[in-house]
Amino acid sequence: MATDHPGFGQYGYYCMLYKEAQVCFQAHDDVIFVDDEKKDGHESWVEWEIPGEREGQCITRLGYHHWGYCNKNFPENKFINFRIYYNGDYKEATWTT
């Protein structure tokens, strides 16, 4: 589960917004940030996958416009897929660890 957002630094972030959630990935430190974009009392999450190796979720239950984060330890220079779901549809992005 995501914990409270530590604040953005100067390192590069990949970010994606889709309807009820926003996800940002800081490849330098392998941190996934999730922001709840909908004031509905529900959690927001993103699924991630390094094809053929690992997969998981980063979930925030901190509420509307409160960033949560998940600190991971990914292998370097791998493609990582992120998916944000909403009502059976999703938006996907592929970035590099």
C-alpha atoms as a PDB file:
ATOM      1  CA  MET A   1       0.000   0.000   0.000  1.00  0.00           C
ATOM      2  CA  ALA A   2       1.137   3.554  -0.639  1.00  0.00           C
ATOM      3  CA  THR A   3       2.353   5.769   2.183  1.00  0.00           C
ATOM      4  CA  ASP A   4       2.245   9.578   2.432  1.00  0.00           C
ATOM      5  CA  HIS A   5       4.030  11.512  -0.347  1.00  0.00           C
ATOM      6  CA  PRO A   6       7.566  12.672   0.604  1.00  0.00           C
ATOM      7  CA  GLY A   7       7.628  15.580  -1.869  1.00  0.00           C
ATOM      8  CA  PHE A   8       8.962  15.779  -5.406  1.00  0.00           C
ATOM      9  CA  GLY A   9      12.671  16.238  -6.034  1.00  0.00           C
ATOM     10  CA  GLN A  10      14.681  17.441  -9.022  1.00  0.00           C
ATOM     11  CA  TYR A  11      15.091  14.000 -10.606  1.00  0.00           C
ATOM     12  CA  GLY A  12      13.126  13.080 -13.716  1.00  0.00           C
ATOM     13  CA  TYR A  13       9.597  11.768 -13.345  1.00  0.00           C
ATOM     14  CA  TYR A  14       7.369  10.010 -15.821  1.00  0.00           C
ATOM     15  CA  CYS A  15       3.706  10.897 -15.174  1.00  0.00           C
ATOM     16  CA  MET A  16       0.302   9.824 -16.481  1.00  0.00           C
ATOM     17  CA  LEU A  17      -3.183  11.094 -15.571  1.00  0.00           C
ATOM     18  CA  TYR A  18      -6.328   9.108 -16.252  1.00  0.00           C
ATOM     19  CA  LYS A  19      -9.768  10.073 -14.933  1.00  0.00           C
ATOM     20  CA  GLU A  20      -9.611   9.168 -11.233  1.00  0.00           C
ATOM     21  CA  ALA A  21      -5.884   8.728 -10.615  1.00  0.00           C
ATOM     22  CA  GLN A  22      -2.484  10.085 -11.501  1.00  0.00           C
ATOM     23  CA  VAL A  23       0.700   8.031 -11.406  1.00  0.00           C
ATOM     24  CA  CYS A  24       4.272   9.250 -11.488  1.00  0.00           C
ATOM     25  CA  PHE A  25       7.380   7.075 -11.589  1.00  0.00           C
ATOM     26  CA  GLN A  26      10.800   8.219 -10.437  1.00  0.00           C
ATOM     27  CA  ALA A  27      13.143   5.763 -12.153  1.00  0.00           C
ATOM     28  CA  HIS A  28      16.223   7.015 -10.285  1.00  0.00           C
ATOM     29  CA  ASP A  29      14.923   5.745  -6.926  1.00  0.00           C
ATOM     30  CA  ASP A  30      12.300   3.215  -8.160  1.00  0.00           C
ATOM     31  CA  VAL A  31       9.451   5.095  -6.482  1.00  0.00           C
ATOM     32  CA  ILE A  32       5.849   4.959  -7.746  1.00  0.00           C
ATOM     33  CA  PHE A  33       3.616   7.879  -6.720  1.00  0.00           C
ATOM     34  CA  VAL A  34      -0.197   7.661  -6.873  1.00  0.00           C
ATOM     35  CA  ASP A  35      -2.642  10.564  -6.470  1.00  0.00           C
ATOM     36  CA  ASP A  36      -6.396  10.130  -6.007  1.00  0.00           C
ATOM     37  CA  GLU A  37      -8.075  12.515  -8.473  1.00  0.00           C
ATOM     38  CA  LYS A  38     -11.709  11.800  -7.585  1.00  0.00           C
ATOM     39  CA  LYS A  39     -13.534  12.876  -4.424  1.00  0.00           C
ATOM     40  CA  ASP A  40     -15.503   9.648  -3.954  1.00  0.00           C
ATOM     41  CA  GLY A  41     -14.028   8.003  -0.843  1.00  0.00           C
ATOM     42  CA  HIS A  42     -12.520   5.127  -2.864  1.00  0.00           C
ATOM     43  CA  GLU A  43      -8.893   4.107  -3.155  1.00  0.00           C
ATOM     44  CA  SER A  44      -6.838   4.714  -6.287  1.00  0.00           C
ATOM     45  CA  TRP A  45      -4.220   2.372  -7.658  1.00  0.00           C
ATOM     46  CA  VAL A  46      -1.936   1.577 -10.529  1.00  0.00           C
ATOM     47  CA  GLU A  47      -0.820  -1.831 -11.722  1.00  0.00           C
ATOM     48  CA  TRP A  48       2.790  -2.224 -12.817  1.00  0.00           C
ATOM     49  CA  GLU A  49       4.612  -4.993 -14.654  1.00  0.00           C
ATOM     50  CA  ILE A  50       8.158  -5.711 -15.778  1.00  0.00           C
ATOM     51  CA  PRO A  51       7.300  -8.196 -18.551  1.00  0.00           C
ATOM     52  CA  GLY A  52       8.355 -11.742 -17.738  1.00  0.00           C
ATOM     53  CA  GLU A  53       9.789 -10.769 -14.335  1.00  0.00           C
ATOM     54  CA  ARG A  54       7.595  -8.997 -11.770  1.00  0.00           C
ATOM     55  CA  GLU A  55       4.217  -7.351 -11.369  1.00  0.00           C
ATOM     56  CA  GLY A  56       2.215  -5.673  -8.652  1.00  0.00           C
ATOM     57  CA  GLN A  57       0.081  -2.729  -7.572  1.00  0.00           C
ATOM     58  CA  CYS A  58       0.614   0.556  -5.798  1.00  0.00           C
ATOM     59  CA  ILE A  59      -2.523   1.585  -3.888  1.00  0.00           C
ATOM     60  CA  THR A  60      -3.343   4.809  -2.063  1.00  0.00           C
ATOM     61  CA  ARG A  61      -6.162   5.090   0.459  1.00  0.00           C
ATOM     62  CA  LEU A  62      -5.083   8.547   1.622  1.00  0.00           C
ATOM     63  CA  GLY A  63      -8.007  10.329  -0.046  1.00  0.00           C
ATOM     64  CA  TYR A  64      -8.651  13.011  -2.613  1.00  0.00           C
ATOM     65  CA  HIS A  65      -5.523  14.858  -3.791  1.00  0.00           C
ATOM     66  CA  HIS A  66      -3.251  13.120  -1.284  1.00  0.00           C
ATOM     67  CA  TRP A  67      -0.217  11.517  -2.888  1.00  0.00           C
ATOM     68  CA  GLY A  68       0.852   8.091  -1.747  1.00  0.00           C
ATOM     69  CA  TYR A  69       3.979   6.241  -2.801  1.00  0.00           C
ATOM     70  CA  CYS A  70       5.452   2.762  -3.059  1.00  0.00           C
ATOM     71  CA  ASN A  71       9.207   2.336  -2.845  1.00  0.00           C
ATOM     72  CA  LYS A  72      10.454  -0.569  -4.975  1.00  0.00           C
ATOM     73  CA  ASN A  73      13.769  -2.079  -6.010  1.00  0.00           C
ATOM     74  CA  PHE A  74      13.544  -2.700  -9.751  1.00  0.00           C
ATOM     75  CA  PRO A  75      16.311  -4.043 -12.005  1.00  0.00           C
ATOM     76  CA  GLU A  76      17.965  -1.321 -14.083  1.00  0.00           C
ATOM     77  CA  ASN A  77      17.225  -0.566 -17.746  1.00  0.00           C
ATOM     78  CA  LYS A  78      14.058  -2.664 -18.036  1.00  0.00           C
ATOM     79  CA  PHE A  79      10.749  -1.673 -19.607  1.00  0.00           C
ATOM     80  CA  ILE A  80       7.991  -1.261 -17.031  1.00  0.00           C
ATOM     81  CA  ASN A  81       4.298  -1.046 -17.914  1.00  0.00           C
ATOM     82  CA  PHE A  82       1.839   0.980 -15.845  1.00  0.00           C
ATOM     83  CA  ARG A  83      -1.975   0.734 -16.074  1.00  0.00           C
ATOM     84  CA  ILE A  84      -4.584   2.976 -14.442  1.00  0.00           C
ATOM     85  CA  TYR A  85      -8.100   1.464 -14.522  1.00  0.00           C
ATOM     86  CA  TYR A  86     -11.456   3.223 -14.428  1.00  0.00           C
ATOM     87  CA  ASN A  87     -14.881   1.612 -15.022  1.00  0.00           C
ATOM     88  CA  GLY A  88     -13.455  -1.317 -16.967  1.00  0.00           C
ATOM     89  CA  ASP A  89     -11.285   0.866 -19.202  1.00  0.00           C
ATOM     90  CA  TYR A  90      -7.634   1.746 -18.702  1.00  0.00           C
ATOM     91  CA  LYS A  91      -4.765   3.932 -19.817  1.00  0.00           C
ATOM     92  CA  GLU A  92      -1.321   2.391 -20.170  1.00  0.00           C
ATOM     93  CA  ALA A  93       2.218   3.742 -20.386  1.00  0.00           C
ATOM     94  CA  THR A  94       5.585   2.026 -20.758  1.00  0.00           C
ATOM     95  CA  TRP A  95       8.643   3.627 -19.196  1.00  0.00           C
ATOM     96  CA  THR A  96      12.190   2.505 -18.330  1.00  0.00           C
ATOM     97  CA  THR A  97      13.564   1.616 -14.908  1.00  0.00           C
END
